[in-house]
């Protein structure tokens, strides 16, 4: 499924700058606006300020990890679409606050599909 170009505002939360840049480049096709955070605290602040269409986040990060960030986001907005990107396959089934979970390495088509499902159900 090839999505329509540039239709979402997306928040990428990833502490690895190279991974964050890769995701930003991948998402350029479906994002009209992209916000970026390098830790969960910054991600939470950006999410609450900008109310993106979806959050794409890692779990293991400094300052505030993705687990805590997700809890706080969902407390404020239970309907916030969230896609978790993790390097740990065993975590994929253990993230109840995520709408979609994908395991690294990231495949662009799978990421697009996960975002579409998170937003549209």
PDB file of N, CA and C in Angstrom:
ATOM      1  N   UNK A   1       0.843  -1.170   0.000  1.00  0.00           N
ATOM      2  CA  UNK A   1       0.000   0.000   0.000  1.00  0.00           C
ATOM      3  C   UNK A   1       0.891   1.237   0.000  1.00  0.00           C
ATOM      4  N   UNK A   2       0.813   2.027  -1.028  1.00  0.00           N
ATOM      5  CA  UNK A   2       1.618   3.244  -1.126  1.00  0.00           C
ATOM      6  C   UNK A   2       0.757   4.422  -0.686  1.00  0.00           C
ATOM      7  N   UNK A   3       1.132   5.098   0.397  1.00  0.00           N
ATOM      8  CA  UNK A   3       0.313   6.174   0.934  1.00  0.00           C
ATOM      9  C   UNK A   3       0.370   7.429   0.064  1.00  0.00           C
ATOM     10  N   UNK A   4      -0.643   8.265   0.241  1.00  0.00           N
ATOM     11  CA  UNK A   4      -0.634   9.557  -0.428  1.00  0.00           C
ATOM     12  C   UNK A   4       0.491  10.407   0.145  1.00  0.00           C
ATOM     13  N   UNK A   5       1.095  11.229  -0.665  1.00  0.00           N
ATOM     14  CA  UNK A   5       2.214  12.046  -0.179  1.00  0.00           C
ATOM     15  C   UNK A   5       1.792  13.067   0.881  1.00  0.00           C
ATOM     16  N   UNK A   6       2.651  13.283   1.827  1.00  0.00           N
ATOM     17  CA  UNK A   6       2.617  14.386   2.778  1.00  0.00           C
ATOM     18  C   UNK A   6       1.254  14.701   3.370  1.00  0.00           C
ATOM     19  N   UNK A   7       0.720  13.768   4.143  1.00  0.00           N
ATOM     20  CA  UNK A   7      -0.587  14.049   4.713  1.00  0.00           C
ATOM     21  C   UNK A   7      -0.631  14.039   6.234  1.00  0.00           C
ATOM     22  N   UNK A   8       0.462  13.732   6.914  1.00  0.00           N
ATOM     23  CA  UNK A   8       0.445  13.651   8.372  1.00  0.00           C
ATOM     24  C   UNK A   8       1.461  14.574   9.034  1.00  0.00           C
ATOM     25  N   UNK A   9       1.143  14.950  10.264  1.00  0.00           N
ATOM     26  CA  UNK A   9       2.168  15.542  11.130  1.00  0.00           C
ATOM     27  C   UNK A   9       2.631  14.414  12.039  1.00  0.00           C
ATOM     28  N   UNK A  10       3.942  14.216  12.109  1.00  0.00           N
ATOM     29  CA  UNK A  10       4.490  13.081  12.844  1.00  0.00           C
ATOM     30  C   UNK A  10       5.566  13.543  13.816  1.00  0.00           C
ATOM     31  N   UNK A  11       5.604  12.886  14.972  1.00  0.00           N
ATOM     32  CA  UNK A  11       6.641  13.120  15.959  1.00  0.00           C
ATOM     33  C   UNK A  11       7.530  11.889  16.014  1.00  0.00           C
ATOM     34  N   UNK A  12       8.821  12.077  15.778  1.00  0.00           N
ATOM     35  CA  UNK A  12       9.805  10.991  15.871  1.00  0.00           C
ATOM     36  C   UNK A  12      10.570  11.179  17.169  1.00  0.00           C
ATOM     37  N   UNK A  13      10.572  10.143  18.015  1.00  0.00           N
ATOM     38  CA  UNK A  13      11.309  10.202  19.275  1.00  0.00           C
ATOM     39  C   UNK A  13      12.328   9.066  19.260  1.00  0.00           C
ATOM     40  N   UNK A  14      13.589   9.428  19.116  1.00  0.00           N
ATOM     41  CA  UNK A  14      14.676   8.451  18.967  1.00  0.00           C
ATOM     42  C   UNK A  14      15.970   9.099  19.440  1.00  0.00           C
ATOM     43  N   UNK A  15      16.684   8.432  20.355  1.00  0.00           N
ATOM     44  CA  UNK A  15      17.911   9.028  20.888  1.00  0.00           C
ATOM     45  C   UNK A  15      19.100   8.896  19.939  1.00  0.00           C
ATOM     46  N   UNK A  16      19.087   7.927  19.054  1.00  0.00           N
ATOM     47  CA  UNK A  16      20.178   7.749  18.096  1.00  0.00           C
ATOM     48  C   UNK A  16      19.960   8.702  16.923  1.00  0.00           C
ATOM     49  N   UNK A  17      20.851   9.676  16.768  1.00  0.00           N
ATOM     50  CA  UNK A  17      20.661  10.712  15.744  1.00  0.00           C
ATOM     51  C   UNK A  17      20.630  10.140  14.330  1.00  0.00           C
ATOM     52  N   UNK A  18      21.415   9.102  14.065  1.00  0.00           N
ATOM     53  CA  UNK A  18      21.410   8.504  12.721  1.00  0.00           C
ATOM     54  C   UNK A  18      20.086   7.789  12.449  1.00  0.00           C
ATOM     55  N   UNK A  19      19.569   7.071  13.434  1.00  0.00           N
ATOM     56  CA  UNK A  19      18.281   6.384  13.278  1.00  0.00           C
ATOM     57  C   UNK A  19      17.152   7.401  13.114  1.00  0.00           C
ATOM     58  N   UNK A  20      17.229   8.491  13.873  1.00  0.00           N
ATOM     59  CA  UNK A  20      16.219   9.547  13.780  1.00  0.00           C
ATOM     60  C   UNK A  20      16.236  10.174  12.385  1.00  0.00           C
ATOM     61  N   UNK A  21      17.425  10.440  11.865  1.00  0.00           N
ATOM     62  CA  UNK A  21      17.568  11.009  10.521  1.00  0.00           C
ATOM     63  C   UNK A  21      17.025  10.040   9.467  1.00  0.00           C
ATOM     64  N   UNK A  22      17.324   8.762   9.616  1.00  0.00           N
ATOM     65  CA  UNK A  22      16.818   7.754   8.684  1.00  0.00           C
ATOM     66  C   UNK A  22      15.289   7.737   8.687  1.00  0.00           C
ATOM     67  N   UNK A  23      14.699   7.746   9.884  1.00  0.00           N
ATOM     68  CA  UNK A  23      13.237   7.750   9.964  1.00  0.00           C
ATOM     69  C   UNK A  23      12.653   9.014   9.343  1.00  0.00           C
ATOM     70  N   UNK A  24      13.272  10.158   9.625  1.00  0.00           N
ATOM     71  CA  UNK A  24      12.786  11.420   9.060  1.00  0.00           C
ATOM     72  C   UNK A  24      12.793  11.356   7.533  1.00  0.00           C
ATOM     73  N   UNK A  25      13.866  10.823   6.972  1.00  0.00           N
ATOM     74  CA  UNK A  25      13.950  10.700   5.505  1.00  0.00           C
ATOM     75  C   UNK A  25      12.897   9.734   4.972  1.00  0.00           C
ATOM     76  N   UNK A  26      12.704   8.618   5.669  1.00  0.00           N
ATOM     77  CA  UNK A  26      11.684   7.652   5.241  1.00  0.00           C
ATOM     78  C   UNK A  26      10.292   8.276   5.274  1.00  0.00           C
ATOM     79  N   UNK A  27      10.026   9.041   6.320  1.00  0.00           N
ATOM     80  CA  UNK A  27       8.686   9.572   6.539  1.00  0.00           C
ATOM     81  C   UNK A  27       8.384  10.825   5.736  1.00  0.00           C
ATOM     82  N   UNK A  28       9.386  11.364   5.087  1.00  0.00           N
ATOM     83  CA  UNK A  28       9.221  12.584   4.288  1.00  0.00           C
ATOM     84  C   UNK A  28       8.069  12.452   3.294  1.00  0.00           C
ATOM     85  N   UNK A  29       7.880  11.276   2.773  1.00  0.00           N
ATOM     86  CA  UNK A  29       6.831  11.057   1.764  1.00  0.00           C
ATOM     87  C   UNK A  29       5.425  11.177   2.342  1.00  0.00           C
ATOM     88  N   UNK A  30       5.245  10.800   3.598  1.00  0.00           N
ATOM     89  CA  UNK A  30       3.892  10.819   4.165  1.00  0.00           C
ATOM     90  C   UNK A  30       3.689  11.917   5.213  1.00  0.00           C
ATOM     91  N   UNK A  31       4.728  12.681   5.521  1.00  0.00           N
ATOM     92  CA  UNK A  31       4.623  13.714   6.547  1.00  0.00           C
ATOM     93  C   UNK A  31       4.701  15.111   5.955  1.00  0.00           C
ATOM     94  N   UNK A  32       3.697  15.927   6.241  1.00  0.00           N
ATOM     95  CA  UNK A  32       3.791  17.330   5.840  1.00  0.00           C
ATOM     96  C   UNK A  32       4.567  18.110   6.899  1.00  0.00           C
ATOM     97  N   UNK A  33       4.594  17.590   8.136  1.00  0.00           N
ATOM     98  CA  UNK A  33       5.359  18.195   9.223  1.00  0.00           C
ATOM     99  C   UNK A  33       5.965  17.089  10.066  1.00  0.00           C
ATOM    100  N   UNK A  34       7.231  17.237  10.426  1.00  0.00           N
ATOM    101  CA  UNK A  34       7.899  16.260  11.286  1.00  0.00           C
ATOM    102  C   UNK A  34       8.542  16.995  12.449  1.00  0.00           C
ATOM    103  N   UNK A  35       8.228  16.528  13.662  1.00  0.00           N
ATOM    104  CA  UNK A  35       8.856  17.030  14.868  1.00  0.00           C
ATOM    105  C   UNK A  35       9.812  15.944  15.338  1.00  0.00           C
ATOM    106  N   UNK A  36      10.932  16.333  15.944  1.00  0.00           N
ATOM    107  CA  UNK A  36      11.924  15.345  16.363  1.00  0.00           C
ATOM    108  C   UNK A  36      12.357  15.590  17.792  1.00  0.00           C
ATOM    109  N   UNK A  37      12.509  14.497  18.546  1.00  0.00           N
ATOM    110  CA  UNK A  37      12.980  14.556  19.924  1.00  0.00           C
ATOM    111  C   UNK A  37      14.028  13.471  20.133  1.00  0.00           C
ATOM    112  N   UNK A  38      15.002  13.774  20.995  1.00  0.00           N
ATOM    113  CA  UNK A  38      16.079  12.814  21.254  1.00  0.00           C
ATOM    114  C   UNK A  38      15.911  12.070  22.576  1.00  0.00           C
ATOM    115  N   UNK A  39      14.846  12.368  23.320  1.00  0.00           N
ATOM    116  CA  UNK A  39      14.559  11.627  24.550  1.00  0.00           C
ATOM    117  C   UNK A  39      13.065  11.732  24.860  1.00  0.00           C
ATOM    118  N   UNK A  40      12.605  10.930  25.795  1.00  0.00           N
ATOM    119  CA  UNK A  40      11.185  10.889  26.108  1.00  0.00           C
ATOM    120  C   UNK A  40      10.632  12.175  26.682  1.00  0.00           C
ATOM    121  N   UNK A  41      11.419  12.879  27.464  1.00  0.00           N
ATOM    122  CA  UNK A  41      10.949  14.139  28.053  1.00  0.00           C
ATOM    123  C   UNK A  41      10.667  15.162  26.961  1.00  0.00           C
ATOM    124  N   UNK A  42      11.606  15.300  26.048  1.00  0.00           N
ATOM    125  CA  UNK A  42      11.423  16.224  24.931  1.00  0.00           C
ATOM    126  C   UNK A  42      10.266  15.754  24.035  1.00  0.00           C
ATOM    127  N   UNK A  43      10.152  14.436  23.846  1.00  0.00           N
ATOM    128  CA  UNK A  43       9.068  13.880  23.049  1.00  0.00           C
ATOM    129  C   UNK A  43       7.703  14.182  23.652  1.00  0.00           C
ATOM    130  N   UNK A  44       7.591  14.026  24.967  1.00  0.00           N
ATOM    131  CA  UNK A  44       6.339  14.328  25.664  1.00  0.00           C
ATOM    132  C   UNK A  44       5.967  15.795  25.478  1.00  0.00           C
ATOM    133  N   UNK A  45       6.933  16.676  25.678  1.00  0.00           N
ATOM    134  CA  UNK A  45       6.681  18.116  25.535  1.00  0.00           C
ATOM    135  C   UNK A  45       6.216  18.459  24.121  1.00  0.00           C
ATOM    136  N   UNK A  46       6.908  17.915  23.108  1.00  0.00           N
ATOM    137  CA  UNK A  46       6.537  18.194  21.719  1.00  0.00           C
ATOM    138  C   UNK A  46       5.168  17.614  21.377  1.00  0.00           C
ATOM    139  N   UNK A  47       4.877  16.445  21.899  1.00  0.00           N
ATOM    140  CA  UNK A  47       3.590  15.804  21.626  1.00  0.00           C
ATOM    141  C   UNK A  47       2.438  16.636  22.189  1.00  0.00           C
ATOM    142  N   UNK A  48       2.590  17.074  23.435  1.00  0.00           N
ATOM    143  CA  UNK A  48       1.531  17.858  24.067  1.00  0.00           C
ATOM    144  C   UNK A  48       1.391  19.241  23.429  1.00  0.00           C
ATOM    145  N   UNK A  49       2.494  19.792  22.938  1.00  0.00           N
ATOM    146  CA  UNK A  49       2.461  21.113  22.317  1.00  0.00           C
ATOM    147  C   UNK A  49       1.873  21.075  20.910  1.00  0.00           C
ATOM    148  N   UNK A  50       2.266  20.074  20.104  1.00  0.00           N
ATOM    149  CA  UNK A  50       1.905  20.064  18.687  1.00  0.00           C
ATOM    150  C   UNK A  50       0.784  19.099  18.311  1.00  0.00           C
ATOM    151  N   UNK A  51       0.440  18.159  19.204  1.00  0.00           N
ATOM    152  CA  UNK A  51      -0.619  17.183  18.929  1.00  0.00           C
ATOM    153  C   UNK A  51      -0.486  16.550  17.541  1.00  0.00           C
ATOM    154  N   UNK A  52       0.609  15.821  17.306  1.00  0.00           N
ATOM    155  CA  UNK A  52       0.826  15.234  15.974  1.00  0.00           C
ATOM    156  C   UNK A  52      -0.209  14.157  15.660  1.00  0.00           C
ATOM    157  N   UNK A  53      -0.326  13.853  14.390  1.00  0.00           N
ATOM    158  CA  UNK A  53      -1.241  12.783  13.975  1.00  0.00           C
ATOM    159  C   UNK A  53      -0.791  11.439  14.529  1.00  0.00           C
ATOM    160  N   UNK A  54       0.526  11.247  14.671  1.00  0.00           N
ATOM    161  CA  UNK A  54       1.061  10.003  15.243  1.00  0.00           C
ATOM    162  C   UNK A  54       2.441  10.265  15.830  1.00  0.00           C
ATOM    163  N   UNK A  55       2.774   9.441  16.829  1.00  0.00           N
ATOM    164  CA  UNK A  55       4.094   9.451  17.447  1.00  0.00           C
ATOM    165  C   UNK A  55       4.791   8.163  17.029  1.00  0.00           C
ATOM    166  N   UNK A  56       6.025   8.272  16.561  1.00  0.00           N
ATOM    167  CA  UNK A  56       6.850   7.118  16.221  1.00  0.00           C
ATOM    168  C   UNK A  56       8.023   7.159  17.191  1.00  0.00           C
ATOM    169  N   UNK A  57       8.125   6.153  18.064  1.00  0.00           N
ATOM    170  CA  UNK A  57       9.106   6.240  19.131  1.00  0.00           C
ATOM    171  C   UNK A  57       9.857   4.948  19.408  1.00  0.00           C
ATOM    172  N   UNK A  58      11.071   5.133  19.865  1.00  0.00           N
ATOM    173  CA  UNK A  58      11.877   4.053  20.428  1.00  0.00           C
ATOM    174  C   UNK A  58      11.456   3.921  21.888  1.00  0.00           C
ATOM    175  N   UNK A  59      11.907   2.871  22.565  1.00  0.00           N
ATOM    176  CA  UNK A  59      11.594   2.703  23.989  1.00  0.00           C
ATOM    177  C   UNK A  59      12.779   3.005  24.887  1.00  0.00           C
ATOM    178  N   UNK A  60      13.961   2.590  24.457  1.00  0.00           N
ATOM    179  CA  UNK A  60      15.159   2.757  25.291  1.00  0.00           C
ATOM    180  C   UNK A  60      15.819   4.085  24.957  1.00  0.00           C
ATOM    181  N   UNK A  61      15.631   5.067  25.873  1.00  0.00           N
ATOM    182  CA  UNK A  61      16.177   6.406  25.665  1.00  0.00           C
ATOM    183  C   UNK A  61      16.590   7.001  27.002  1.00  0.00           C
ATOM    184  N   UNK A  62      17.472   7.992  26.956  1.00  0.00           N
ATOM    185  CA  UNK A  62      17.886   8.670  28.191  1.00  0.00           C
ATOM    186  C   UNK A  62      16.830   9.666  28.672  1.00  0.00           C
ATOM    187  N   UNK A  63      17.045  10.229  29.825  1.00  0.00           N
ATOM    188  CA  UNK A  63      16.231  11.261  30.485  1.00  0.00           C
ATOM    189  C   UNK A  63      14.874  10.707  30.885  1.00  0.00           C
ATOM    190  N   UNK A  64      14.036  10.348  29.927  1.00  0.00           N
ATOM    191  CA  UNK A  64      12.762   9.671  30.175  1.00  0.00           C
ATOM    192  C   UNK A  64      12.641   8.608  29.092  1.00  0.00           C
ATOM    193  N   UNK A  65      12.463   7.351  29.488  1.00  0.00           N
ATOM    194  CA  UNK A  65      12.383   6.307  28.475  1.00  0.00           C
ATOM    195  C   UNK A  65      11.030   6.336  27.769  1.00  0.00           C
ATOM    196  N   UNK A  66      10.940   5.569  26.706  1.00  0.00           N
ATOM    197  CA  UNK A  66       9.721   5.538  25.907  1.00  0.00           C
ATOM    198  C   UNK A  66       8.516   5.006  26.657  1.00  0.00           C
ATOM    199  N   UNK A  67       8.726   4.071  27.567  1.00  0.00           N
ATOM    200  CA  UNK A  67       7.625   3.517  28.361  1.00  0.00           C
ATOM    201  C   UNK A  67       6.941   4.620  29.165  1.00  0.00           C
ATOM    202  N   UNK A  68       7.742   5.396  29.898  1.00  0.00           N
ATOM    203  CA  UNK A  68       7.186   6.469  30.723  1.00  0.00           C
ATOM    204  C   UNK A  68       6.557   7.560  29.854  1.00  0.00           C
ATOM    205  N   UNK A  69       7.213   7.890  28.754  1.00  0.00           N
ATOM    206  CA  UNK A  69       6.661   8.890  27.850  1.00  0.00           C
ATOM    207  C   UNK A  69       5.290   8.452  27.345  1.00  0.00           C
ATOM    208  N   UNK A  70       5.168   7.183  26.945  1.00  0.00           N
ATOM    209  CA  UNK A  70       3.882   6.674  26.452  1.00  0.00           C
ATOM    210  C   UNK A  70       2.800   6.760  27.523  1.00  0.00           C
ATOM    211  N   UNK A  71       3.141   6.401  28.756  1.00  0.00           N
ATOM    212  CA  UNK A  71       2.169   6.487  29.848  1.00  0.00           C
ATOM    213  C   UNK A  71       1.654   7.908  29.999  1.00  0.00           C
ATOM    214  N   UNK A  72       2.558   8.850  29.980  1.00  0.00           N
ATOM    215  CA  UNK A  72       2.171  10.257  30.166  1.00  0.00           C
ATOM    216  C   UNK A  72       1.381  10.802  28.976  1.00  0.00           C
ATOM    217  N   UNK A  73       1.779  10.404  27.777  1.00  0.00           N
ATOM    218  CA  UNK A  73       1.026  10.833  26.590  1.00  0.00           C
ATOM    219  C   UNK A  73      -0.390  10.290  26.664  1.00  0.00           C
ATOM    220  N   UNK A  74      -0.534   9.015  26.956  1.00  0.00           N
ATOM    221  CA  UNK A  74      -1.862   8.383  26.979  1.00  0.00           C
ATOM    222  C   UNK A  74      -2.720   8.891  28.136  1.00  0.00           C
ATOM    223  N   UNK A  75      -2.088   9.332  29.228  1.00  0.00           N
ATOM    224  CA  UNK A  75      -2.848   9.960  30.311  1.00  0.00           C
ATOM    225  C   UNK A  75      -3.498  11.247  29.823  1.00  0.00           C
ATOM    226  N   UNK A  76      -2.768  12.008  29.023  1.00  0.00           N
ATOM    227  CA  UNK A  76      -3.258  13.285  28.503  1.00  0.00           C
ATOM    228  C   UNK A  76      -4.201  13.105  27.315  1.00  0.00           C
ATOM    229  N   UNK A  77      -3.885  12.130  26.476  1.00  0.00           N
ATOM    230  CA  UNK A  77      -4.658  11.904  25.255  1.00  0.00           C
ATOM    231  C   UNK A  77      -4.702  10.412  24.960  1.00  0.00           C
ATOM    232  N   UNK A  78      -5.678   9.688  25.527  1.00  0.00           N
ATOM    233  CA  UNK A  78      -5.755   8.238  25.340  1.00  0.00           C
ATOM    234  C   UNK A  78      -5.848   7.792  23.877  1.00  0.00           C
ATOM    235  N   UNK A  79      -6.304   8.687  23.011  1.00  0.00           N
ATOM    236  CA  UNK A  79      -6.484   8.338  21.599  1.00  0.00           C
ATOM    237  C   UNK A  79      -5.286   8.686  20.718  1.00  0.00           C
ATOM    238  N   UNK A  80      -4.187   9.173  21.328  1.00  0.00           N
ATOM    239  CA  UNK A  80      -3.009   9.532  20.537  1.00  0.00           C
ATOM    240  C   UNK A  80      -2.439   8.298  19.843  1.00  0.00           C
ATOM    241  N   UNK A  81      -2.411   8.260  18.506  1.00  0.00           N
ATOM    242  CA  UNK A  81      -1.815   7.129  17.799  1.00  0.00           C
ATOM    243  C   UNK A  81      -0.302   7.056  18.046  1.00  0.00           C
ATOM    244  N   UNK A  82       0.173   5.842  18.382  1.00  0.00           N
ATOM    245  CA  UNK A  82       1.580   5.635  18.692  1.00  0.00           C
ATOM    246  C   UNK A  82       2.087   4.389  17.984  1.00  0.00           C
ATOM    247  N   UNK A  83       3.243   4.534  17.327  1.00  0.00           N
ATOM    248  CA  UNK A  83       3.950   3.410  16.725  1.00  0.00           C
ATOM    249  C   UNK A  83       5.278   3.287  17.465  1.00  0.00           C
ATOM    250  N   UNK A  84       5.519   2.131  18.059  1.00  0.00           N
ATOM    251  CA  UNK A  84       6.784   1.877  18.745  1.00  0.00           C
ATOM    252  C   UNK A  84       7.709   1.135  17.793  1.00  0.00           C
ATOM    253  N   UNK A  85       8.937   1.616  17.700  1.00  0.00           N
ATOM    254  CA  UNK A  85       9.983   0.982  16.899  1.00  0.00           C
ATOM    255  C   UNK A  85      11.018   0.486  17.896  1.00  0.00           C
ATOM    256  N   UNK A  86      11.229  -0.826  17.922  1.00  0.00           N
ATOM    257  CA  UNK A  86      12.145  -1.392  18.910  1.00  0.00           C
ATOM    258  C   UNK A  86      13.135  -2.354  18.274  1.00  0.00           C
ATOM    259  N   UNK A  87      14.287  -2.463  18.877  1.00  0.00           N
ATOM    260  CA  UNK A  87      15.294  -3.416  18.409  1.00  0.00           C
ATOM    261  C   UNK A  87      15.093  -4.784  19.046  1.00  0.00           C
ATOM    262  N   UNK A  88      14.193  -4.864  20.014  1.00  0.00           N
ATOM    263  CA  UNK A  88      14.015  -6.096  20.784  1.00  0.00           C
ATOM    264  C   UNK A  88      12.699  -6.777  20.420  1.00  0.00           C
ATOM    265  N   UNK A  89      12.792  -7.874  19.703  1.00  0.00           N
ATOM    266  CA  UNK A  89      11.603  -8.584  19.241  1.00  0.00           C
ATOM    267  C   UNK A  89      10.710  -9.018  20.391  1.00  0.00           C
ATOM    268  N   UNK A  90      11.295  -9.355  21.550  1.00  0.00           N
ATOM    269  CA  UNK A  90      10.478  -9.792  22.681  1.00  0.00           C
ATOM    270  C   UNK A  90       9.623  -8.658  23.243  1.00  0.00           C
ATOM    271  N   UNK A  91       9.977  -7.399  23.006  1.00  0.00           N
ATOM    272  CA  UNK A  91       9.174  -6.270  23.464  1.00  0.00           C
ATOM    273  C   UNK A  91       7.965  -6.036  22.572  1.00  0.00           C
ATOM    274  N   UNK A  92       7.991  -6.559  21.373  1.00  0.00           N
ATOM    275  CA  UNK A  92       6.956  -6.278  20.389  1.00  0.00           C
ATOM    276  C   UNK A  92       5.560  -6.638  20.865  1.00  0.00           C
ATOM    277  N   UNK A  93       5.436  -7.653  21.686  1.00  0.00           N
ATOM    278  CA  UNK A  93       4.114  -8.048  22.174  1.00  0.00           C
ATOM    279  C   UNK A  93       3.827  -7.503  23.572  1.00  0.00           C
ATOM    280  N   UNK A  94       4.751  -6.716  24.113  1.00  0.00           N
ATOM    281  CA  UNK A  94       4.619  -6.258  25.491  1.00  0.00           C
ATOM    282  C   UNK A  94       4.502  -4.746  25.616  1.00  0.00           C
ATOM    283  N   UNK A  95       3.908  -4.096  24.638  1.00  0.00           N
ATOM    284  CA  UNK A  95       3.755  -2.643  24.682  1.00  0.00           C
ATOM    285  C   UNK A  95       2.264  -2.325  24.527  1.00  0.00           C
ATOM    286  N   UNK A  96       1.494  -2.477  25.600  1.00  0.00           N
ATOM    287  CA  UNK A  96       0.044  -2.313  25.491  1.00  0.00           C
ATOM    288  C   UNK A  96      -0.414  -0.907  25.133  1.00  0.00           C
ATOM    289  N   UNK A  97       0.406   0.108  25.387  1.00  0.00           N
ATOM    290  CA  UNK A  97       0.003   1.481  25.077  1.00  0.00           C
ATOM    291  C   UNK A  97       0.254   1.854  23.622  1.00  0.00           C
ATOM    292  N   UNK A  98       0.934   0.997  22.886  1.00  0.00           N
ATOM    293  CA  UNK A  98       1.217   1.275  21.472  1.00  0.00           C
ATOM    294  C   UNK A  98       0.087   0.748  20.596  1.00  0.00           C
ATOM    295  N   UNK A  99      -0.204   1.501  19.542  1.00  0.00           N
ATOM    296  CA  UNK A  99      -1.189   1.037  18.566  1.00  0.00           C
ATOM    297  C   UNK A  99      -0.563   0.039  17.606  1.00  0.00           C
ATOM    298  N   UNK A 100       0.724   0.248  17.320  1.00  0.00           N
ATOM    299  CA  UNK A 100       1.475  -0.642  16.443  1.00  0.00           C
ATOM    300  C   UNK A 100       2.899  -0.739  16.968  1.00  0.00           C
ATOM    301  N   UNK A 101       3.513  -1.912  16.786  1.00  0.00           N
ATOM    302  CA  UNK A 101       4.911  -2.111  17.171  1.00  0.00           C
ATOM    303  C   UNK A 101       5.627  -2.754  15.996  1.00  0.00           C
ATOM    304  N   UNK A 102       6.773  -2.180  15.617  1.00  0.00           N
ATOM    305  CA  UNK A 102       7.588  -2.811  14.585  1.00  0.00           C
ATOM    306  C   UNK A 102       8.994  -3.000  15.133  1.00  0.00           C
ATOM    307  N   UNK A 103       9.646  -4.040  14.633  1.00  0.00           N
ATOM    308  CA  UNK A 103      10.979  -4.399  15.097  1.00  0.00           C
ATOM    309  C   UNK A 103      12.006  -3.921  14.071  1.00  0.00           C
ATOM    310  N   UNK A 104      13.072  -3.293  14.586  1.00  0.00           N
ATOM    311  CA  UNK A 104      14.180  -2.861  13.725  1.00  0.00           C
ATOM    312  C   UNK A 104      14.873  -4.075  13.152  1.00  0.00           C
ATOM    313  N   UNK A 105      15.472  -4.007  11.986  1.00  0.00           N
ATOM    314  CA  UNK A 105      15.653  -2.825  11.159  1.00  0.00           C
ATOM    315  C   UNK A 105      14.338  -2.387  10.510  1.00  0.00           C
ATOM    316  N   UNK A 106      14.219  -1.096  10.322  1.00  0.00           N
ATOM    317  CA  UNK A 106      12.982  -0.509   9.809  1.00  0.00           C
ATOM    318  C   UNK A 106      12.887  -0.717   8.304  1.00  0.00           C
ATOM    319  N   UNK A 107      11.743  -1.225   7.890  1.00  0.00           N
ATOM    320  CA  UNK A 107      11.417  -1.364   6.471  1.00  0.00           C
ATOM    321  C   UNK A 107      10.382  -0.282   6.176  1.00  0.00           C
ATOM    322  N   UNK A 108      10.659   0.558   5.197  1.00  0.00           N
ATOM    323  CA  UNK A 108       9.822   1.721   4.927  1.00  0.00           C
ATOM    324  C   UNK A 108       8.345   1.360   4.737  1.00  0.00           C
ATOM    325  N   UNK A 109       8.055   0.353   3.942  1.00  0.00           N
ATOM    326  CA  UNK A 109       6.666  -0.019   3.687  1.00  0.00           C
ATOM    327  C   UNK A 109       5.971  -0.453   4.977  1.00  0.00           C
ATOM    328  N   UNK A 110       6.696  -1.176   5.821  1.00  0.00           N
ATOM    329  CA  UNK A 110       6.119  -1.620   7.099  1.00  0.00           C
ATOM    330  C   UNK A 110       5.873  -0.428   8.027  1.00  0.00           C
ATOM    331  N   UNK A 111       6.775   0.537   8.024  1.00  0.00           N
ATOM    332  CA  UNK A 111       6.604   1.735   8.841  1.00  0.00           C
ATOM    333  C   UNK A 111       5.390   2.535   8.367  1.00  0.00           C
ATOM    334  N   UNK A 112       5.250   2.732   7.056  1.00  0.00           N
ATOM    335  CA  UNK A 112       4.088   3.440   6.507  1.00  0.00           C
ATOM    336  C   UNK A 112       2.796   2.722   6.912  1.00  0.00           C
ATOM    337  N   UNK A 113       2.792   1.405   6.753  1.00  0.00           N
ATOM    338  CA  UNK A 113       1.608   0.607   7.089  1.00  0.00           C
ATOM    339  C   UNK A 113       1.265   0.730   8.575  1.00  0.00           C
ATOM    340  N   UNK A 114       2.272   0.676   9.437  1.00  0.00           N
ATOM    341  CA  UNK A 114       2.044   0.780  10.882  1.00  0.00           C
ATOM    342  C   UNK A 114       1.462   2.153  11.241  1.00  0.00           C
ATOM    343  N   UNK A 115       1.961   3.199  10.621  1.00  0.00           N
ATOM    344  CA  UNK A 115       1.436   4.545  10.885  1.00  0.00           C
ATOM    345  C   UNK A 115      -0.005   4.653  10.421  1.00  0.00           C
ATOM    346  N   UNK A 116      -0.291   4.161   9.222  1.00  0.00           N
ATOM    347  CA  UNK A 116      -1.673   4.190   8.694  1.00  0.00           C
ATOM    348  C   UNK A 116      -2.615   3.436   9.646  1.00  0.00           C
ATOM    349  N   UNK A 117      -2.215   2.250  10.103  1.00  0.00           N
ATOM    350  CA  UNK A 117      -3.057   1.464  11.006  1.00  0.00           C
ATOM    351  C   UNK A 117      -3.228   2.144  12.355  1.00  0.00           C
ATOM    352  N   UNK A 118      -2.157   2.757  12.872  1.00  0.00           N
ATOM    353  CA  UNK A 118      -2.248   3.450  14.152  1.00  0.00           C
ATOM    354  C   UNK A 118      -3.230   4.619  14.071  1.00  0.00           C
ATOM    355  N   UNK A 119      -3.193   5.346  12.976  1.00  0.00           N
ATOM    356  CA  UNK A 119      -4.052   6.514  12.825  1.00  0.00           C
ATOM    357  C   UNK A 119      -5.495   6.131  12.488  1.00  0.00           C
ATOM    358  N   UNK A 120      -5.661   5.174  11.605  1.00  0.00           N
ATOM    359  CA  UNK A 120      -6.994   4.849  11.093  1.00  0.00           C
ATOM    360  C   UNK A 120      -7.611   3.585  11.678  1.00  0.00           C
ATOM    361  N   UNK A 121      -6.836   2.860  12.462  1.00  0.00           N
ATOM    362  CA  UNK A 121      -7.369   1.667  13.104  1.00  0.00           C
ATOM    363  C   UNK A 121      -7.365   0.429  12.292  1.00  0.00           C
TER     364      UNK A 121
END
